[in-house]
Protein backbone atom coordinates (compact mmCIF):
# COMPACT_ATOMS: atom_id res chain seq x y z
CA UNK A 1 54.55 179.88 158.06
CA UNK A 2 53.22 176.98 160.21
CA UNK A 3 50.58 176.18 157.60
CA UNK A 4 53.22 175.84 154.85
CA UNK A 5 55.47 173.67 157.03
CA UNK A 6 52.61 171.33 157.91
CA UNK A 7 51.55 171.08 154.28
CA UNK A 8 55.07 170.16 153.25
CA UNK A 9 55.26 167.59 156.06
CA UNK A 10 51.93 166.06 154.98
CA UNK A 11 53.13 165.71 151.39
CA UNK A 12 56.39 164.11 152.55
CA UNK A 13 54.55 161.56 154.70
CA UNK A 14 52.19 160.73 151.82
CA UNK A 15 55.14 160.24 149.45
CA UNK A 16 56.93 157.91 151.90
CA UNK A 17 53.86 155.84 152.76
CA UNK A 18 52.88 155.25 149.14
CA UNK A 19 56.25 154.78 147.47
CA UNK A 20 57.75 152.46 150.11
CA UNK A 21 55.22 149.61 149.70
CA UNK A 22 55.14 150.06 145.94
CA UNK A 23 58.91 149.71 145.73
CA UNK A 24 58.61 146.54 147.83
CA UNK A 25 56.04 145.16 145.41
CA UNK A 26 58.22 146.01 142.43
CA UNK A 27 61.23 144.32 144.07
CA UNK A 28 59.32 141.12 144.72
CA UNK A 29 57.82 141.27 141.25
CA UNK A 30 61.39 141.37 139.93
CA UNK A 31 62.21 138.16 141.81
CA UNK A 32 59.14 136.55 140.28
CA UNK A 33 60.15 137.75 136.83
CA UNK A 34 63.79 136.62 137.09
CA UNK A 35 62.93 133.21 138.54
CA UNK A 36 60.40 132.68 135.75
CA UNK A 37 63.30 132.63 133.28
CA UNK A 38 64.74 129.19 132.57
CA UNK A 39 68.42 128.39 132.32
CA UNK A 40 69.18 127.51 128.70
CA UNK A 41 72.62 126.73 127.31
CA UNK A 42 73.06 124.46 124.33
CA UNK A 43 71.57 121.02 124.95
CA UNK A 44 70.80 121.85 128.57
CA UNK A 45 67.62 123.90 128.30
CA UNK A 46 64.48 124.97 130.17
CA UNK A 47 66.01 124.37 133.60
CA UNK A 48 64.35 125.92 136.66
CA UNK A 49 64.46 125.20 140.40
CA UNK A 50 66.57 123.96 142.17
CA UNK A 51 69.28 125.39 139.86
CA UNK A 52 70.56 128.91 139.26
CA UNK A 53 73.09 130.58 136.98
CA UNK A 54 73.21 132.62 133.78
CA UNK A 55 70.17 134.93 134.09
CA UNK A 56 68.80 133.21 137.21
CA UNK A 57 69.95 134.73 140.55
CA UNK A 58 70.90 132.51 143.48
CA UNK A 59 67.53 133.08 145.21
CA UNK A 60 65.93 131.09 142.37
CA UNK A 61 67.71 127.93 143.60
CA UNK A 62 67.47 125.68 146.64
CA UNK A 63 71.18 126.04 147.46
CA UNK A 64 74.14 128.01 146.13
CA UNK A 65 75.88 124.72 145.30
CA UNK A 66 73.58 124.11 142.34
CA UNK A 67 75.03 126.79 140.08
CA UNK A 68 75.22 126.14 136.34
CA UNK A 69 77.77 128.00 134.23
CA UNK A 70 77.28 128.46 130.49
CA UNK A 71 80.60 128.45 128.65
CA UNK A 72 80.73 130.54 125.50
CA UNK A 73 80.93 130.19 122.59
CA UNK A 74 80.41 126.42 122.49
CA UNK A 75 77.29 126.59 124.67
CA UNK A 76 78.54 124.00 127.15
CA UNK A 77 77.20 123.83 130.70
CA UNK A 78 79.81 123.43 133.43
CA UNK A 79 79.26 122.61 137.06
CA UNK A 80 81.72 122.98 139.94
CA UNK A 81 81.57 121.13 143.24
CA UNK A 82 84.32 122.06 145.67
CA UNK A 83 87.55 121.59 143.66
CA UNK A 84 85.98 119.25 141.09
CA UNK A 85 84.88 120.43 137.65
CA UNK A 86 82.21 118.74 135.56
CA UNK A 87 80.53 119.15 132.20
CA UNK A 88 76.76 118.73 132.37
CA UNK A 89 75.53 116.61 129.47
CA UNK A 90 71.86 116.79 130.42
CA UNK A 91 69.41 117.45 133.24
CA UNK A 92 66.17 115.50 133.55
CA UNK A 93 63.84 117.52 135.78
CA UNK A 94 61.15 114.83 135.74
CA UNK A 95 63.41 112.18 137.26
CA UNK A 96 65.64 114.73 139.04
CA UNK A 97 68.87 113.45 137.51
CA UNK A 98 72.00 115.05 136.07
CA UNK A 99 74.50 113.47 133.70
CA UNK A 100 78.02 114.61 134.50
CA UNK A 101 81.49 114.18 133.03
CA UNK A 102 84.47 115.08 135.17
CA UNK A 103 86.81 117.38 133.25
CA UNK A 104 89.60 118.20 135.72
CA UNK A 105 91.31 114.81 135.69
CA UNK A 106 93.63 113.04 133.23
CA UNK A 107 93.71 109.38 134.14
CA UNK A 108 97.10 108.57 132.59
CA UNK A 109 98.76 111.58 134.25
CA UNK A 110 99.90 109.56 137.25
CA UNK A 111 100.37 112.38 139.76
CA UNK A 112 99.55 112.55 143.44
CA UNK A 113 97.00 115.30 142.68
CA UNK A 114 94.46 112.79 141.40
CA UNK A 115 91.36 112.65 143.58
CA UNK A 116 88.21 110.59 143.86
CA UNK A 117 84.96 111.85 142.37
CA UNK A 118 83.14 112.75 145.57
CA UNK A 119 79.73 114.37 145.74
CA UNK A 120 77.95 116.25 148.52
CA UNK A 121 74.97 114.88 150.42
CA UNK A 122 72.49 116.42 147.98
CA UNK A 123 73.57 113.89 145.33
CA UNK A 124 73.19 110.13 145.13
CA UNK A 125 74.34 107.57 142.59
CA UNK A 126 71.67 105.43 140.94
CA UNK A 127 72.07 101.67 140.61
CA UNK A 128 72.97 102.12 136.94
CA UNK A 129 76.34 103.59 137.99
CA UNK A 130 79.25 101.83 139.63
CA UNK A 131 82.90 102.59 140.33
CA UNK A 132 85.97 101.49 138.44
CA UNK A 133 89.11 101.65 140.59
CA UNK A 134 92.32 103.01 139.08
CA UNK A 135 95.60 102.08 140.80
CA UNK A 136 98.89 104.03 140.68
CA UNK A 137 102.32 103.38 142.13
CA UNK A 138 101.89 99.62 142.39
CA UNK A 139 104.81 97.27 143.26
CA UNK A 140 107.47 96.89 140.58
CA UNK A 141 106.87 93.99 138.26
CA UNK A 142 103.18 93.72 139.11
CA UNK A 143 100.97 93.01 136.09
CA UNK A 144 97.22 93.18 135.91
CA UNK A 145 96.34 91.68 132.57
CA UNK A 146 95.64 94.05 129.71
CA UNK A 147 93.94 96.75 131.77
CA UNK A 148 97.11 98.70 132.27
CA UNK A 149 98.54 101.87 130.78
CA UNK A 150 101.77 103.82 130.69
CA UNK A 151 101.89 107.09 132.61
CA UNK A 152 102.26 110.20 130.42
CA UNK A 153 104.45 112.05 132.89
CA UNK A 154 106.75 109.07 133.55
CA UNK A 155 107.03 106.40 130.88
CA UNK A 156 108.60 103.99 133.37
CA UNK A 157 105.48 103.99 135.53
CA UNK A 158 102.24 102.13 134.94
CA UNK A 159 98.64 102.36 136.08
CA UNK A 160 95.96 99.69 136.30
CA UNK A 161 92.18 99.75 136.49
CA UNK A 162 89.55 97.17 137.41
CA UNK A 163 85.98 96.72 138.54
CA UNK A 164 86.87 95.67 142.05
CA UNK A 165 85.30 92.66 143.73
CA UNK A 166 86.18 90.65 146.82
CA UNK A 167 87.33 87.83 144.56
CA UNK A 168 89.67 90.15 142.66
CA UNK A 169 91.16 91.54 145.86
CA UNK A 170 91.85 88.01 147.06
CA UNK A 171 93.43 87.04 143.74
CA UNK A 172 95.69 90.11 143.58
CA UNK A 173 96.74 91.04 147.15
CA UNK A 174 99.51 93.22 145.65
CA UNK A 175 96.85 95.86 144.92
CA UNK A 176 96.83 96.77 148.60
CA UNK A 177 100.44 97.93 148.22
CA UNK A 178 99.67 100.48 145.49
CA UNK A 179 100.43 104.05 146.57
CA UNK A 180 97.25 105.64 145.21
CA UNK A 181 93.83 104.54 144.08
CA UNK A 182 90.90 106.58 142.82
CA UNK A 183 87.31 105.66 142.02
CA UNK A 184 85.84 106.57 138.63
CA UNK A 185 82.03 106.38 138.29
CA UNK A 186 80.80 104.95 134.97
CA UNK A 187 77.62 103.35 133.67
CA UNK A 188 77.35 99.62 134.30
CA UNK A 189 76.17 99.05 130.74
CA UNK A 190 79.48 100.27 129.30
CA UNK A 191 81.73 97.26 129.81
CA UNK A 192 85.43 98.01 129.80
CA UNK A 193 87.29 96.27 126.99
CA UNK A 194 89.69 93.78 128.56
CA UNK A 195 92.57 94.81 126.28
CA UNK A 196 91.55 98.42 125.72
CA UNK A 197 94.23 100.06 127.83
CA UNK A 198 93.77 103.72 128.74
CA UNK A 199 91.50 104.37 125.73
CA UNK A 200 88.86 102.00 127.08
CA UNK A 201 88.84 103.82 130.42
CA UNK A 202 88.70 107.26 128.79
CA UNK A 203 85.83 106.19 126.52
CA UNK A 204 83.76 104.91 129.44
CA UNK A 205 84.48 108.02 131.53
CA UNK A 206 83.64 110.40 128.65
CA UNK A 207 80.10 109.03 128.49
CA UNK A 208 79.52 110.44 131.94
CA UNK A 209 77.46 109.14 134.82
CA UNK A 210 74.08 109.97 136.30
CA UNK A 211 73.36 111.33 139.77
CA UNK A 212 70.12 112.04 141.57
CA UNK A 213 69.92 115.56 142.95
CA UNK A 214 67.89 115.87 146.12
CA UNK A 215 65.15 118.50 146.33
CA UNK A 216 64.26 118.52 150.03
CA UNK A 217 61.48 121.05 149.48
CA UNK A 218 59.92 119.17 146.57
CA UNK A 219 56.45 119.10 148.12
CA UNK A 220 56.59 122.81 148.94
CA UNK A 221 57.75 123.54 145.41
CA UNK A 222 54.84 121.65 143.87
CA UNK A 223 52.43 123.62 146.06
CA UNK A 224 54.13 126.84 144.99
CA UNK A 225 53.97 125.98 141.30
CA UNK A 226 50.30 125.02 141.56
CA UNK A 227 49.62 128.52 142.90
CA UNK A 228 51.49 129.96 139.87
CA UNK A 229 54.61 130.91 141.79
CA UNK A 230 58.26 130.09 141.14
CA UNK A 231 60.31 128.12 143.65
CA UNK A 232 63.45 129.54 145.20
CA UNK A 233 64.98 130.54 148.50
CA UNK A 234 65.15 133.53 150.81
CA UNK A 235 67.78 136.04 149.78
CA UNK A 236 69.22 136.25 153.30
CA UNK A 237 68.94 132.57 154.26
CA UNK A 238 69.84 130.70 151.07
CA UNK A 239 68.67 127.32 152.38
CA UNK A 240 65.20 128.51 153.43
CA UNK A 241 62.48 127.83 150.87
CA UNK A 242 60.55 130.73 149.35
CA UNK A 243 57.75 130.86 146.82
CA UNK A 244 58.32 133.89 144.59
CA UNK A 245 54.99 135.33 143.49
CA UNK A 246 54.00 138.16 141.20
CA UNK A 247 53.07 140.20 144.28
CA UNK A 248 55.77 139.10 146.75
CA UNK A 249 57.49 136.12 148.34
CA UNK A 250 55.48 133.83 150.59
CA UNK A 251 56.60 130.97 152.76
CA UNK A 252 54.78 128.30 150.81
CA UNK A 253 52.48 129.55 148.06
CA UNK A 254 50.94 132.53 146.29
CA UNK A 255 47.76 132.93 148.31
CA UNK A 256 45.94 135.47 146.19
CA UNK A 257 46.95 134.50 142.67
CA UNK A 258 44.78 136.04 139.94
CA UNK A 259 44.30 133.69 136.99
CA UNK A 260 44.61 136.43 134.41
CA UNK A 261 47.14 138.60 136.29
CA UNK A 262 44.93 141.57 135.51
CA UNK A 263 45.03 143.10 138.98
CA UNK A 264 47.99 145.27 139.77
CA UNK A 265 47.54 144.80 143.50
CA UNK A 266 47.06 141.53 145.31
CA UNK A 267 47.94 140.21 148.72
CA UNK A 268 50.30 141.09 150.30
CA UNK A 269 51.19 144.23 148.31
CA UNK A 270 47.54 145.30 148.18
CA UNK A 271 47.46 145.22 151.98
CA UNK A 272 50.65 147.30 152.18
CA UNK A 273 49.24 149.97 149.91
CA UNK A 274 45.85 149.94 151.64
CA UNK A 275 47.41 150.38 155.09
CA UNK A 276 49.60 153.19 153.75
CA UNK A 277 46.62 155.07 152.32
CA UNK A 278 44.63 154.65 155.53
CA UNK A 279 47.63 155.85 157.54
CA UNK A 280 47.93 158.90 155.30
CA UNK A 281 44.22 159.67 155.73
CA UNK A 282 44.53 159.49 159.51
CA UNK A 283 47.61 161.72 159.55
CA UNK A 284 45.96 164.22 157.22
CA UNK A 285 42.81 164.34 159.35
CA UNK A 286 44.89 164.91 162.47
CA UNK A 287 46.82 167.78 160.85
CA UNK A 288 43.60 169.28 159.55
CA UNK A 289 42.11 169.21 163.04
CA UNK A 290 45.33 170.68 164.42
CA UNK A 291 45.17 173.54 161.94
CA UNK A 292 41.59 174.32 162.92
CA UNK A 293 42.21 174.21 166.65
CA UNK A 294 45.67 175.76 166.97
CA UNK A 295 47.15 177.37 163.87
CA UNK A 296 44.14 179.24 162.51
CA UNK A 297 43.12 180.83 165.88
CA UNK A 298 46.70 182.03 166.33
CA UNK A 299 46.65 183.53 162.84
CA UNK A 300 43.29 185.25 163.49
CA UNK A 301 44.52 186.73 166.79
CA UNK A 302 47.71 188.00 165.13
CA UNK A 303 45.76 189.74 162.36
CA UNK A 304 43.35 191.45 164.76
CA UNK A 305 46.03 192.44 167.22
CA UNK A 306 47.30 195.13 164.86
CA UNK A 307 43.93 196.38 163.55
């Protein structure tokens, strides 16, 4: 009976020691496989780190904020930042820029819900972009040239917009009395037509604006990619960089990358499996010695006791 129990225990230990590290290797290999897939949706294609979304899990990105959403069936990429919604016109990975159009705002809907386009610290505006200021609820009778428009929700109200300068503020002090003002980022090269009304503003805003997105782990990512890994983050700590390799996630790079990927085991999974097999051999040797010293003598004495 003891011999059968020990044999079953040995098999169980062998199964645990060999399958546990292999499942770890397969899990990490899955991260490598999933992060190797680019985000592609319409004109926004072949996008990798620091973004995630679609078939790329969040651990393929530098931060959960950089999620891209593919809208079907028109294949349009949307991006949400806090309560603001944007359409992504393009992403330039080489220059680390995004071109965005804000979609949750109607400029001639003169409500108090209108908000500035504000970005988090991971974004910066390039010099090619500047703000146009739109004013609402200005003093009655105030006129600001041709850059005015009638509010859709109240035809008796008007809005105004201008590229604000110190000179303009001095010339029109009444602007300080307006109830609401918002800033609309547009390209400097798209000059607003002086008599274009709301259509001129909408046209400029529809062309979008560029932002730089900051990749704080850019140097680490380049090192990771040179070692044939894919950049991402730890699954538990989303803001901690991780290099996802074919054999597991490392802090910085894939140390034992095989150029032809022909080896099934490489560091660190190879080490896990090796240690497991050595551990099994030690346990098996100990049980074998135990059987020789304890179990078999007891069995021999039992047999001869009744002869």
